[in-house]
Amino acid sequence: MKIQRTQIGYLIGGGLKENFLVRLTISSQEIQEGAFVVIESGNWNYYGIVTDIRLGSTDERFAAEILDSRLTEFANALQNSQALYANIEVLPNLMLEVGPDESTPEYKTWRGKIDAGLADAPRILPVKNVPPHHSIVSLANEGDIAEIFGKPEEEKNFIIGYTREQNHPVCIDLDKFVQRSSGVFGATGTGKSFLTRLVLAGLMNHNKASVLVLDMHNEYGFDDIASDTKKNVQGLKTMFKSSVRCVGLGAGSTIRGNQVDFNLEIAMDDISTTDIETLSRELNLRDTTPTTLNALYTSFGDKWFANFKEMNQEEVEVEDEKGRLKKVPHPDSVAAWAMQNGVNVAAAVGLQDKLRRLFNKPYIVQKPAADSVLQIIQSLEAGKHVVLSFGEHEGDLDYLLVSNLLTRKIRTAWEKKTNEFRAHGKAEPRPLIIVVEEAHKLLNREMASQTTFATIARELRKYYVTLLIVDQRPSQIYDEVMSQLGTRISGWLGDDLDIQAVLSGLSGREAIRGMLARLQPKEEVLLLGWGVPMPLPVKSRRYDEAFWKEMSKGKKSKEQNLKELGF
């Protein structure tokens, strides 16, 4: 049976390196850059996207001169149809053997060989050859979209948006999505937070991985008000009450008047010297800082932070051998400790002065009421999702310290569980996705070598931990980290360097560069990277009441529902 598609033209030239050239048989206004098209050729279909639309003529004079007033209406229409035309360029991505028409005897023969194991079953392949001249080019239909991006009814597939021409649903494979780190990008005001909420809701509903959201601006946990429409926006806690734990930073903290499930307090003993080194730029630390920190750890071990905080900078008067009074460092002072341990006194005093910004943080305490770091890890291991809201502590210093310390602890826990699973056959670790807002603050060139996040992006996929980085300035993220990202979902970006960063490491990036720059400022995104079969611009799904209702229905099994009820 012949599949119905909307024909738009036929192939007239091109190649794998220079894209396919297609002569349009429809108006140039009926096709858009980024349209998903199918080129039908015998037993094969070729799939690609439109990267350019160009006007042409058989003779330049016909295009340069307006002859409407000199010719009859019939003659003018004839000239326009024969002498003036439009071509499109198509970036070929995939090819699939579809076999002969199902109604023919040849199809039965072709299918019989496959069923008998005499020929390989059809599978989607990268484009390796070119179809012949005059092959029919059509807009992809809903079946084509499902063939390439997956069927919406399959549990692992999540509808991220719709094709711009015919509104067909486009899915991302969530099982594949969680296997590598990913990114959501877009200039300020393009709806990154809504898009991230959309993806997170899909992941939580799918429930094959735990999610930790480092919510710097308190946007994801509880309900919010949209800044543009002023309408209520449901938080993840509202949608997934039993499976989302909202955590506030600091004892007694609330988020926009909402009570959290528990509070996160940082024990002084949990702060390592490497945590301080990652704050070098924020605290304006000197080159001598690592030496001083190493001496502190040598002197006090894990209690170095508490002991350093308690040191004073006082002096006392003592008599010298001749009975004269002189001032010397107090025995409990920074200077006295520095002289006893061969540390530069000025460097030690300067470091303590700069660390006062941390000493005064109310969420850093000698002895927390509970081991809330462990609570977060245990929640994630148990299959819950955690939204850590920073509340009033949303400065860069708070974000850098807490997020790095927490992920360092998580990394240790997941590495231990993975090694026990592989070496001793214990339970397989649950995949974990850590959502990092303002990622360039943690993953820029200076910080990348020091933070745990860069290690996660590069290495921790094998330990079941990946990142979802959310940022408006991808060009400021270390290129080695960007190269590790699998799925990339990008809204409009105005800066050429940001566009270049999002497309880094992808084939055909020059052809789709302009496409990214010409997205609508809102509600259009470009799907890219390892996590999707081919690049495709789509109208992003709306984070609205219809979506919330769909998520509230969920796809949980009977066993999962009984487990949540405590049976």
Protein backbone atom coordinates (compact mmCIF):
# COMPACT_ATOMS: atom_id res chain seq x y z
CA MET A 1 0.00 0.00 0.00
CA LYS A 2 1.41 3.36 -1.04
CA ILE A 3 2.08 5.70 1.90
CA GLN A 4 0.50 9.12 1.43
CA ARG A 5 2.84 12.07 1.77
CA THR A 6 2.69 15.70 0.65
CA GLN A 7 4.99 15.95 -2.37
CA ILE A 8 7.03 19.17 -2.54
CA GLY A 9 9.56 18.57 -5.32
CA TYR A 10 12.12 16.31 -6.96
CA LEU A 11 15.87 15.78 -6.69
CA ILE A 12 17.99 17.62 -9.27
CA GLY A 13 21.53 17.45 -7.88
CA GLY A 14 23.90 17.67 -4.92
CA GLY A 15 25.88 15.13 -2.99
CA LEU A 16 26.83 13.92 0.47
CA LYS A 17 29.37 16.70 1.04
CA GLU A 18 27.39 19.54 -0.47
CA ASN A 19 23.81 18.48 0.46
CA PHE A 20 21.01 17.47 -1.90
CA LEU A 21 19.46 20.02 -4.27
CA VAL A 22 15.69 19.80 -4.78
CA ARG A 23 13.50 21.64 -7.29
CA LEU A 24 10.28 22.73 -5.59
CA THR A 25 6.92 22.00 -7.21
CA ILE A 26 5.14 24.10 -4.60
CA SER A 27 5.47 27.76 -3.68
CA SER A 28 8.63 28.68 -1.80
CA GLN A 29 6.35 30.16 0.87
CA GLU A 30 4.90 26.73 1.66
CA ILE A 31 8.17 25.31 2.99
CA GLN A 32 10.31 26.35 5.96
CA GLU A 33 13.95 26.02 6.84
CA GLY A 34 14.25 22.97 9.08
CA ALA A 35 11.39 21.06 7.45
CA PHE A 36 11.75 17.27 7.79
CA VAL A 37 11.59 15.70 4.32
CA VAL A 38 11.69 12.22 2.81
CA ILE A 39 13.31 11.36 -0.54
CA GLU A 40 11.76 8.21 -1.98
CA SER A 41 13.93 6.11 -4.28
CA GLY A 42 12.99 2.53 -5.09
CA ASN A 43 13.36 0.36 -1.99
CA TRP A 44 14.95 3.16 0.02
CA ASN A 45 13.84 6.27 1.87
CA TYR A 46 16.30 9.06 2.64
CA TYR A 47 15.56 11.43 5.54
CA GLY A 48 16.88 14.96 5.87
CA ILE A 49 16.10 18.55 6.83
CA VAL A 50 15.83 21.67 4.69
CA THR A 51 18.78 23.97 5.33
CA ASP A 52 18.31 26.59 2.61
CA ILE A 53 15.65 27.94 0.21
CA ARG A 54 16.85 29.75 -2.93
CA LEU A 55 15.11 31.47 -5.81
CA GLY A 56 16.33 30.84 -9.37
CA SER A 57 15.50 31.50 -13.02
CA THR A 58 16.35 30.04 -16.41
CA ASP A 59 17.50 33.49 -17.47
CA GLU A 60 18.45 36.35 -15.17
CA ARG A 61 16.36 38.77 -17.24
CA PHE A 62 13.14 36.97 -16.29
CA ALA A 63 13.96 37.40 -12.58
CA ALA A 64 15.21 41.00 -12.91
CA GLU A 65 12.28 42.44 -14.88
CA ILE A 66 8.62 42.62 -13.87
CA LEU A 67 6.63 41.84 -17.02
CA ASP A 68 3.12 41.68 -15.53
CA SER A 69 1.94 44.81 -17.35
CA ARG A 70 3.29 43.73 -20.76
CA LEU A 71 1.96 40.15 -20.86
CA THR A 72 -1.47 38.63 -20.67
CA GLU A 73 -2.41 36.92 -17.44
CA PHE A 74 -2.01 33.51 -19.08
CA ALA A 75 1.40 34.36 -20.56
CA ASN A 76 2.60 35.81 -17.27
CA ALA A 77 1.54 32.67 -15.36
CA LEU A 78 3.22 30.48 -17.97
CA GLN A 79 6.46 32.47 -17.71
CA ASN A 80 6.48 32.30 -13.93
CA SER A 81 5.93 28.57 -13.96
CA GLN A 82 8.55 27.81 -16.61
CA ALA A 83 11.25 30.44 -16.20
CA LEU A 84 11.16 31.19 -12.46
CA TYR A 85 11.57 28.53 -9.82
CA ALA A 86 12.77 27.82 -6.28
CA ASN A 87 15.23 25.21 -5.03
CA ILE A 88 15.87 23.90 -1.53
CA GLU A 89 18.98 22.37 -0.03
CA VAL A 90 18.47 19.25 2.05
CA LEU A 91 20.99 18.01 4.61
CA PRO A 92 20.76 14.21 4.34
CA ASN A 93 20.96 12.36 7.65
CA LEU A 94 19.48 8.87 7.56
CA MET A 95 18.41 6.16 5.15
CA LEU A 96 16.10 3.17 5.59
CA GLU A 97 15.35 0.21 3.36
CA VAL A 98 11.56 0.01 3.07
CA GLY A 99 11.36 -2.64 0.36
CA PRO A 100 8.99 -2.83 -2.62
CA ASP A 101 5.34 -1.77 -2.47
CA GLU A 102 3.44 -4.12 -0.13
CA SER A 103 0.84 -4.88 -2.81
CA THR A 104 3.42 -6.37 -5.20
CA PRO A 105 4.82 -9.94 -5.40
CA GLU A 106 8.32 -8.47 -5.04
CA TYR A 107 7.48 -7.36 -1.52
CA LYS A 108 6.62 -10.93 -0.43
CA THR A 109 9.92 -12.18 -1.85
CA TRP A 110 11.86 -9.38 -0.13
CA ARG A 111 10.07 -9.94 3.19
CA GLY A 112 10.47 -13.71 2.94
CA LYS A 113 14.27 -13.45 2.68
CA ILE A 114 14.36 -11.30 5.81
CA ASP A 115 12.08 -13.64 7.78
CA ALA A 116 14.18 -16.62 6.70
CA GLY A 117 17.38 -14.93 7.85
CA LEU A 118 18.78 -14.70 4.33
CA ALA A 119 18.86 -10.90 4.44
CA ASP A 120 19.34 -8.32 7.20
CA ALA A 121 16.25 -6.76 8.73
CA PRO A 122 15.78 -3.10 7.75
CA ARG A 123 17.35 -0.65 10.15
CA ILE A 124 18.00 3.06 10.11
CA LEU A 125 21.47 3.87 8.80
CA PRO A 126 23.55 7.00 8.27
CA VAL A 127 23.36 8.16 4.65
CA LYS A 128 26.05 6.34 2.65
CA ASN A 129 24.96 6.99 -0.94
CA VAL A 130 22.71 9.29 -2.96
CA PRO A 131 19.35 8.67 -4.63
CA PRO A 132 19.11 9.19 -8.41
CA HIS A 133 17.94 12.31 -10.22
CA HIS A 134 14.21 13.13 -10.10
CA SER A 135 13.58 11.06 -6.94
CA ILE A 136 10.35 12.30 -5.32
CA VAL A 137 10.77 14.59 -2.31
CA SER A 138 7.93 14.91 0.20
CA LEU A 139 7.23 16.29 3.65
CA ALA A 140 7.61 13.57 6.26
CA ASN A 141 4.30 12.27 7.56
CA GLU A 142 3.44 11.15 11.07
CA GLY A 143 4.60 7.60 10.34
CA ASP A 144 8.00 8.85 9.17
CA ILE A 145 8.43 10.90 12.33
CA ALA A 146 7.50 7.88 14.46
CA GLU A 147 9.87 5.66 12.45
CA ILE A 148 12.83 7.93 13.18
CA PHE A 149 12.03 9.50 16.57
CA GLY A 150 9.87 6.76 18.07
CA LYS A 151 6.18 6.16 18.63
CA PRO A 152 4.55 8.39 21.27
CA GLU A 153 2.62 5.48 22.76
CA GLU A 154 5.82 3.64 23.76
CA GLU A 155 6.61 4.17 27.45
CA LYS A 156 10.24 5.20 26.91
CA ASN A 157 9.30 7.92 24.40
CA PHE A 158 8.44 11.41 25.61
CA ILE A 159 6.87 14.02 23.31
CA ILE A 160 9.19 17.03 23.44
CA GLY A 161 7.48 18.99 20.66
CA TYR A 162 5.82 18.97 17.24
CA THR A 163 6.96 19.47 13.66
CA ARG A 164 6.49 23.05 12.54
CA GLU A 165 4.76 22.26 9.22
CA GLN A 166 2.23 19.55 10.05
CA ASN A 167 2.24 19.42 13.86
CA HIS A 168 3.35 15.78 14.10
CA PRO A 169 4.61 14.71 17.56
CA VAL A 170 8.39 14.34 17.99
CA CYS A 171 9.76 12.19 20.82
CA ILE A 172 13.02 11.77 22.67
CA ASP A 173 14.01 8.34 23.96
CA LEU A 174 14.28 8.78 27.73
CA ASP A 175 16.13 5.49 28.20
CA LYS A 176 18.80 6.81 25.86
CA PHE A 177 18.61 10.33 27.26
CA VAL A 178 19.76 9.27 30.74
CA GLN A 179 22.78 7.34 29.47
CA ARG A 180 24.86 10.44 28.76
CA SER A 181 25.03 13.99 30.04
CA SER A 182 22.80 16.48 28.24
CA GLY A 183 22.14 20.20 27.99
CA VAL A 184 19.31 22.71 27.68
CA PHE A 185 20.41 26.02 26.19
CA GLY A 186 18.85 29.31 25.16
CA ALA A 187 19.28 33.03 25.58
CA THR A 188 17.69 34.76 28.58
CA GLY A 189 13.91 34.93 28.18
CA THR A 190 13.58 32.05 25.71
CA GLY A 191 11.86 29.74 28.21
CA LYS A 192 14.76 27.54 29.35
CA SER A 193 13.20 26.99 32.77
CA PHE A 194 9.86 25.90 31.27
CA LEU A 195 11.65 23.59 28.85
CA THR A 196 13.72 22.13 31.69
CA ARG A 197 10.58 21.59 33.78
CA LEU A 198 9.05 19.81 30.80
CA VAL A 199 12.02 17.45 30.45
CA LEU A 200 12.24 16.83 34.20
CA ALA A 201 8.53 16.02 34.41
CA GLY A 202 9.00 13.49 31.60
CA LEU A 203 11.96 11.90 33.38
CA MET A 204 10.14 11.75 36.72
CA ASN A 205 7.06 10.28 35.11
CA HIS A 206 9.18 7.68 33.31
CA ASN A 207 10.80 6.89 36.68
CA LYS A 208 13.85 5.01 35.42
CA ALA A 209 16.35 7.43 36.99
CA SER A 210 16.51 9.66 40.05
CA VAL A 211 16.85 13.41 39.57
CA LEU A 212 18.68 15.91 41.78
CA VAL A 213 17.86 19.52 40.90
CA LEU A 214 20.26 22.17 42.19
CA ASP A 215 17.59 24.87 42.14
CA MET A 216 19.58 28.09 42.46
CA HIS A 217 16.62 30.41 41.83
CA ASN A 218 13.86 28.37 43.58
CA GLU A 219 11.93 27.73 40.35
CA TYR A 220 11.29 24.01 40.15
CA GLY A 221 9.95 22.63 43.41
CA PHE A 222 6.81 24.60 44.26
CA ASP A 223 4.22 26.43 42.16
CA ASP A 224 5.28 29.69 40.58
CA ILE A 225 3.83 32.60 38.61
CA ALA A 226 4.93 32.99 34.98
CA SER A 227 6.66 36.35 34.53
CA ASP A 228 5.12 36.98 31.10
CA THR A 229 1.56 35.58 31.34
CA LYS A 230 1.16 35.99 35.14
CA LYS A 231 -0.51 32.57 35.21
CA ASN A 232 0.11 29.86 37.81
CA VAL A 233 2.82 27.35 36.91
CA GLN A 234 2.79 23.99 38.66
CA GLY A 235 5.95 22.89 40.42
CA LEU A 236 7.37 19.39 40.30
CA LYS A 237 6.32 18.81 43.90
CA THR A 238 2.70 19.52 42.97
CA MET A 239 2.81 17.08 40.07
CA PHE A 240 4.73 14.29 41.80
CA LYS A 241 3.87 14.69 45.48
CA SER A 242 5.03 11.33 46.79
CA SER A 243 8.19 10.99 44.71
CA VAL A 244 9.67 14.51 44.99
CA ARG A 245 11.45 15.71 48.12
CA CYS A 246 11.89 19.47 48.42
CA VAL A 247 14.93 20.43 50.49
CA GLY A 248 15.72 23.93 51.78
CA LEU A 249 19.23 25.18 52.51
CA GLY A 250 19.63 26.07 56.17
CA ALA A 251 17.66 25.21 59.31
CA GLY A 252 14.06 26.38 59.33
CA SER A 253 14.16 27.69 55.78
CA THR A 254 10.99 27.83 53.69
CA ILE A 255 10.61 28.32 49.95
CA ARG A 256 8.17 31.09 49.04
CA GLY A 257 6.24 30.34 52.21
CA ASN A 258 6.11 26.59 51.55
CA GLN A 259 7.34 24.08 54.09
CA VAL A 260 10.08 21.80 52.78
CA ASP A 261 10.42 18.07 53.43
CA PHE A 262 13.66 18.63 55.32
CA ASN A 263 16.49 21.14 55.54
CA LEU A 264 20.10 20.80 54.46
CA GLU A 265 22.78 21.83 56.91
CA ILE A 266 26.48 21.44 56.13
CA ALA A 267 28.68 20.02 58.87
CA MET A 268 32.01 21.82 59.24
CA ASP A 269 33.77 18.45 59.18
CA ASP A 270 32.31 17.76 55.72
CA ILE A 271 34.03 20.76 54.13
CA SER A 272 37.25 19.64 52.48
CA THR A 273 40.19 21.77 51.48
CA THR A 274 39.42 21.04 47.82
CA ASP A 275 35.95 22.54 48.32
CA ILE A 276 37.67 25.78 49.30
CA GLU A 277 40.04 25.66 46.35
CA THR A 278 37.07 25.59 43.96
CA LEU A 279 36.08 28.98 45.38
CA SER A 280 39.38 30.59 44.40
CA ARG A 281 37.85 33.06 41.98
CA GLU A 282 34.82 33.88 44.10
CA LEU A 283 36.91 34.46 47.25
CA ASN A 284 39.86 35.94 45.36
CA LEU A 285 42.25 33.45 46.94
CA ARG A 286 45.99 33.73 46.44
CA ASP A 287 48.41 31.23 44.93
CA THR A 288 49.66 30.40 48.44
CA THR A 289 46.21 29.16 49.53
CA PRO A 290 46.72 25.43 48.68
CA THR A 291 49.88 25.36 50.82
CA THR A 292 48.08 26.93 53.77
CA LEU A 293 45.07 24.62 53.40
CA ASN A 294 47.32 21.56 53.24
CA ALA A 295 49.03 22.62 56.46
CA LEU A 296 45.65 23.13 58.15
CA TYR A 297 44.52 19.63 57.16
CA THR A 298 47.82 18.16 58.33
CA SER A 299 47.34 19.84 61.72
CA PHE A 300 43.64 19.17 62.32
CA GLY A 301 42.40 16.60 59.79
CA ASP A 302 38.64 16.82 59.03
CA LYS A 303 38.23 19.39 61.83
CA TRP A 304 40.45 21.94 60.09
CA PHE A 305 37.55 24.28 59.19
CA ALA A 306 36.17 24.47 62.75
CA ASN A 307 39.62 24.97 64.27
CA PHE A 308 40.59 27.62 61.75
CA LYS A 309 37.34 29.48 62.43
CA GLU A 310 38.03 29.53 66.19
CA MET A 311 41.52 30.97 65.83
CA ASN A 312 41.85 34.64 66.69
CA GLN A 313 44.14 37.34 65.41
CA GLU A 314 45.02 38.83 68.78
CA GLU A 315 48.33 39.64 70.35
CA VAL A 316 49.42 39.46 73.99
CA GLU A 317 52.12 41.31 75.88
CA VAL A 318 54.96 39.33 77.40
CA GLU A 319 58.22 40.29 79.05
CA ASP A 320 61.44 39.61 77.23
CA GLU A 321 64.68 38.58 78.91
CA LYS A 322 65.39 42.17 79.89
CA GLY A 323 61.94 42.64 81.41
CA ARG A 324 60.62 44.79 78.61
CA LEU A 325 57.08 44.27 77.35
CA LYS A 326 56.60 43.20 73.79
CA LYS A 327 53.66 41.99 71.75
CA VAL A 328 53.55 38.42 70.45
CA PRO A 329 50.78 36.41 68.77
CA HIS A 330 48.14 34.99 71.10
CA PRO A 331 48.69 31.22 71.61
CA ASP A 332 45.31 30.53 69.94
CA SER A 333 45.91 32.93 67.05
CA VAL A 334 46.36 32.28 63.37
CA ALA A 335 49.86 33.74 63.50
CA ALA A 336 50.93 31.43 66.36
CA TRP A 337 49.67 28.38 64.46
CA ALA A 338 51.39 29.55 61.26
CA MET A 339 54.77 30.04 62.96
CA GLN A 340 54.55 26.64 64.64
CA ASN A 341 53.83 24.93 61.29
CA GLY A 342 56.18 26.83 59.02
CA VAL A 343 53.39 28.65 57.19
CA ASN A 344 53.63 32.23 55.97
CA VAL A 345 51.84 34.28 58.62
CA ALA A 346 50.47 36.89 56.23
CA ALA A 347 49.10 34.15 53.94
CA ALA A 348 47.37 32.37 56.84
CA VAL A 349 45.86 35.58 58.23
CA GLY A 350 44.72 36.64 54.75
CA LEU A 351 43.05 33.26 54.14
CA GLN A 352 41.14 33.43 57.42
CA ASP A 353 39.91 36.93 56.56
CA LYS A 354 38.58 35.72 53.23
CA LEU A 355 36.96 32.63 54.72
CA ARG A 356 34.90 34.77 57.10
CA ARG A 357 32.30 34.92 54.32
CA LEU A 358 31.87 31.17 54.87
CA PHE A 359 32.35 31.18 58.65
CA ASN A 360 29.24 33.36 58.93
CA LYS A 361 26.97 31.22 56.75
CA PRO A 362 24.05 30.00 58.92
CA TYR A 363 23.76 26.69 57.07
CA ILE A 364 27.35 25.70 57.99
CA VAL A 365 27.22 24.38 61.57
CA GLN A 366 29.41 22.46 63.98
CA LYS A 367 26.89 19.65 64.43
CA PRO A 368 23.75 19.48 62.23
CA ALA A 369 20.49 18.28 63.73
CA ALA A 370 20.56 15.41 61.21
CA ASP A 371 22.87 14.12 58.52
CA SER A 372 20.88 15.81 55.75
CA VAL A 373 23.54 15.12 53.10
CA LEU A 374 23.07 11.43 53.80
CA GLN A 375 19.28 11.92 53.69
CA ILE A 376 19.55 13.36 50.19
CA ILE A 377 21.74 10.47 49.02
CA GLN A 378 19.43 7.87 50.57
CA SER A 379 16.38 9.51 48.98
CA LEU A 380 18.01 9.38 45.55
CA GLU A 381 19.10 5.77 46.05
CA ALA A 382 15.52 4.88 47.01
CA GLY A 383 14.18 6.23 43.72
CA LYS A 384 12.97 9.61 44.97
CA HIS A 385 13.74 12.90 43.27
CA VAL A 386 15.25 15.81 45.20
CA VAL A 387 14.88 19.53 44.50
CA LEU A 388 17.42 21.46 46.56
CA SER A 389 16.25 25.07 46.76
CA PHE A 390 18.79 27.63 47.91
CA GLY A 391 16.16 30.00 49.30
CA GLU A 392 17.71 33.28 50.39
CA HIS A 393 21.20 31.82 49.95
CA GLU A 394 21.27 32.15 46.16
CA GLY A 395 24.60 33.91 45.78
CA ASP A 396 27.31 32.41 43.63
CA LEU A 397 29.40 31.56 46.69
CA ASP A 398 26.58 29.49 48.23
CA TYR A 399 25.83 27.75 44.94
CA LEU A 400 29.45 26.86 44.22
CA LEU A 401 30.21 25.55 47.70
CA VAL A 402 27.06 23.55 48.38
CA SER A 403 26.62 22.05 44.91
CA ASN A 404 30.25 20.97 44.66
CA LEU A 405 30.33 19.48 48.17
CA LEU A 406 27.07 17.62 47.62
CA THR A 407 28.06 16.20 44.24
CA ARG A 408 31.45 15.14 45.66
CA LYS A 409 29.62 13.07 48.28
CA ILE A 410 27.25 11.67 45.66
CA ARG A 411 30.11 10.73 43.39
CA THR A 412 31.74 8.75 46.21
CA ALA A 413 28.46 6.96 47.05
CA TRP A 414 27.67 5.99 43.44
CA GLU A 415 31.21 4.84 42.71
CA LYS A 416 31.06 2.61 45.79
CA LYS A 417 27.68 1.14 44.81
CA THR A 418 28.85 0.54 41.23
CA ASN A 419 32.01 -1.23 42.34
CA GLU A 420 29.99 -3.41 44.74
CA PHE A 421 27.57 -4.23 41.92
CA ARG A 422 30.34 -5.22 39.51
CA ALA A 423 32.64 -6.97 41.95
CA HIS A 424 30.23 -8.59 44.39
CA GLY A 425 26.93 -8.83 42.52
CA LYS A 426 25.07 -6.44 44.79
CA ALA A 427 22.11 -4.34 43.61
CA GLU A 428 22.66 -2.29 40.48
CA PRO A 429 22.83 1.46 41.22
CA ARG A 430 19.87 3.55 40.15
CA PRO A 431 20.82 6.02 37.40
CA LEU A 432 21.08 9.59 38.65
CA ILE A 433 20.75 12.87 36.76
CA ILE A 434 22.09 16.03 38.40
CA VAL A 435 20.51 19.22 37.05
CA VAL A 436 22.91 22.17 37.12
CA GLU A 437 21.62 25.70 36.52
CA GLU A 438 23.99 28.52 35.56
CA ALA A 439 26.37 25.76 34.49
CA HIS A 440 29.05 28.13 33.20
CA LYS A 441 29.77 29.20 36.79
CA LEU A 442 30.82 25.64 37.64
CA LEU A 443 32.05 24.36 34.29
CA ASN A 444 34.05 27.23 32.83
CA ARG A 445 37.65 26.67 31.76
CA GLU A 446 39.07 27.79 35.12
CA MET A 447 36.69 25.75 37.30
CA ALA A 448 36.28 22.63 35.19
CA SER A 449 39.50 21.02 36.34
CA GLN A 450 38.62 21.58 40.02
CA THR A 451 34.92 20.77 40.36
CA THR A 452 33.28 17.39 40.64
CA PHE A 453 30.93 18.31 37.80
CA ALA A 454 33.60 18.12 35.11
CA THR A 455 34.58 14.67 36.35
CA ILE A 456 30.94 13.58 36.20
CA ALA A 457 30.58 14.87 32.63
CA ARG A 458 33.76 13.10 31.52
CA GLU A 459 33.80 9.87 33.49
CA LEU A 460 30.81 9.11 35.70
CA ARG A 461 28.51 7.80 32.98
CA LYS A 462 30.01 4.38 33.75
CA TYR A 463 29.02 4.96 37.39
CA TYR A 464 25.37 5.73 36.48
CA VAL A 465 25.64 9.50 37.09
CA THR A 466 25.07 12.12 34.37
CA LEU A 467 24.45 15.85 34.20
CA LEU A 468 21.68 17.95 32.73
CA ILE A 469 23.24 21.39 32.37
CA VAL A 470 21.04 24.45 31.87
CA ASP A 471 22.68 27.62 30.63
CA GLN A 472 22.28 30.76 28.54
CA ARG A 473 25.99 31.13 27.74
CA PRO A 474 27.23 27.74 26.46
CA SER A 475 30.33 29.41 24.98
CA GLN A 476 31.61 29.92 28.53
CA ILE A 477 31.42 26.22 29.35
CA TYR A 478 34.68 24.32 28.94
CA ASP A 479 34.75 22.79 25.47
CA GLU A 480 35.86 19.40 26.82
CA VAL A 481 32.66 19.26 28.88
CA MET A 482 30.50 20.37 25.93
CA SER A 483 31.98 17.57 23.82
CA GLN A 484 30.70 15.00 26.37
CA LEU A 485 27.06 16.07 26.06
CA GLY A 486 24.74 13.62 24.35
CA THR A 487 21.34 15.24 23.81
CA ARG A 488 21.29 19.00 23.32
CA ILE A 489 18.03 20.93 23.32
CA SER A 490 18.58 24.54 22.33
CA GLY A 491 16.30 27.51 22.07
CA TRP A 492 17.22 30.71 20.26
CA LEU A 493 20.77 31.98 20.78
CA GLY A 494 21.81 35.40 19.57
CA ASP A 495 25.56 35.18 20.13
CA ASP A 496 27.60 33.51 17.41
CA LEU A 497 30.02 32.00 19.93
CA ASP A 498 27.13 30.42 21.85
CA ILE A 499 25.76 28.92 18.63
CA GLN A 500 29.19 27.56 17.79
CA ALA A 501 29.50 25.99 21.25
CA VAL A 502 26.12 24.21 21.04
CA LEU A 503 26.99 22.77 17.63
CA SER A 504 30.53 21.74 18.56
CA GLY A 505 31.42 18.17 17.69
CA LEU A 506 28.36 17.62 15.48
CA SER A 507 28.48 16.69 11.81
CA GLY A 508 26.79 19.10 9.41
CA ARG A 509 27.01 21.93 11.94
CA GLU A 510 27.67 24.59 9.34
CA ALA A 511 24.46 23.67 7.51
CA ILE A 512 22.30 24.03 10.63
CA ARG A 513 24.09 27.05 12.11
CA GLY A 514 21.67 29.58 10.59
CA MET A 515 18.72 27.42 11.58
CA LEU A 516 19.59 27.80 15.26
CA ALA A 517 20.01 31.57 14.90
CA ARG A 518 16.61 31.90 13.20
CA LEU A 519 14.49 30.01 15.73
CA GLN A 520 11.54 31.85 17.19
CA PRO A 521 12.60 33.51 20.47
CA LYS A 522 10.10 31.36 22.34
CA GLU A 523 8.50 27.92 21.92
CA GLU A 524 10.86 26.68 19.21
CA VAL A 525 13.86 24.48 19.93
CA LEU A 526 16.44 22.56 17.96
CA LEU A 527 17.03 18.93 18.95
CA LEU A 528 20.63 17.85 18.46
CA GLY A 529 23.27 15.31 19.37
CA TRP A 530 23.73 11.70 20.24
CA GLY A 531 20.37 11.38 21.99
CA VAL A 532 18.29 12.08 18.88
CA PRO A 533 18.60 10.30 15.51
CA MET A 534 19.03 13.54 13.54
CA PRO A 535 18.85 17.33 14.11
CA LEU A 536 15.33 18.73 13.94
CA PRO A 537 13.72 22.06 14.87
CA VAL A 538 10.37 21.62 16.61
CA LYS A 539 7.66 23.66 18.28
CA SER A 540 8.28 22.88 21.92
CA ARG A 541 5.47 21.39 23.93
CA ARG A 542 3.65 23.79 26.23
CA TYR A 543 4.03 23.45 29.98
CA ASP A 544 0.32 23.98 30.60
CA GLU A 545 -2.73 22.44 32.24
CA ALA A 546 -3.12 19.79 29.52
CA PHE A 547 0.47 18.67 30.12
CA TRP A 548 0.03 18.65 33.92
CA LYS A 549 -3.06 16.48 33.62
CA GLU A 550 -1.23 14.02 31.40
CA MET A 551 1.66 13.81 33.86
CA SER A 552 -0.71 13.36 36.79
CA LYS A 553 -2.14 10.27 35.12
CA GLY A 554 1.35 8.80 34.86
CA LYS A 555 2.43 5.45 33.52
CA LYS A 556 3.06 3.68 36.81
CA SER A 557 2.58 -0.02 37.10
CA LYS A 558 0.27 -1.63 39.64
CA GLU A 559 3.33 -2.77 41.63
CA GLN A 560 4.69 0.79 41.80
CA ASN A 561 1.38 2.20 43.01
CA LEU A 562 1.08 -0.47 45.73
CA LYS A 563 4.66 0.17 46.83
CA GLU A 564 4.01 3.91 47.21
CA LEU A 565 0.91 3.12 49.30
CA GLY A 566 3.06 1.00 51.61
CA PHE A 567 1.80 -2.48 50.69
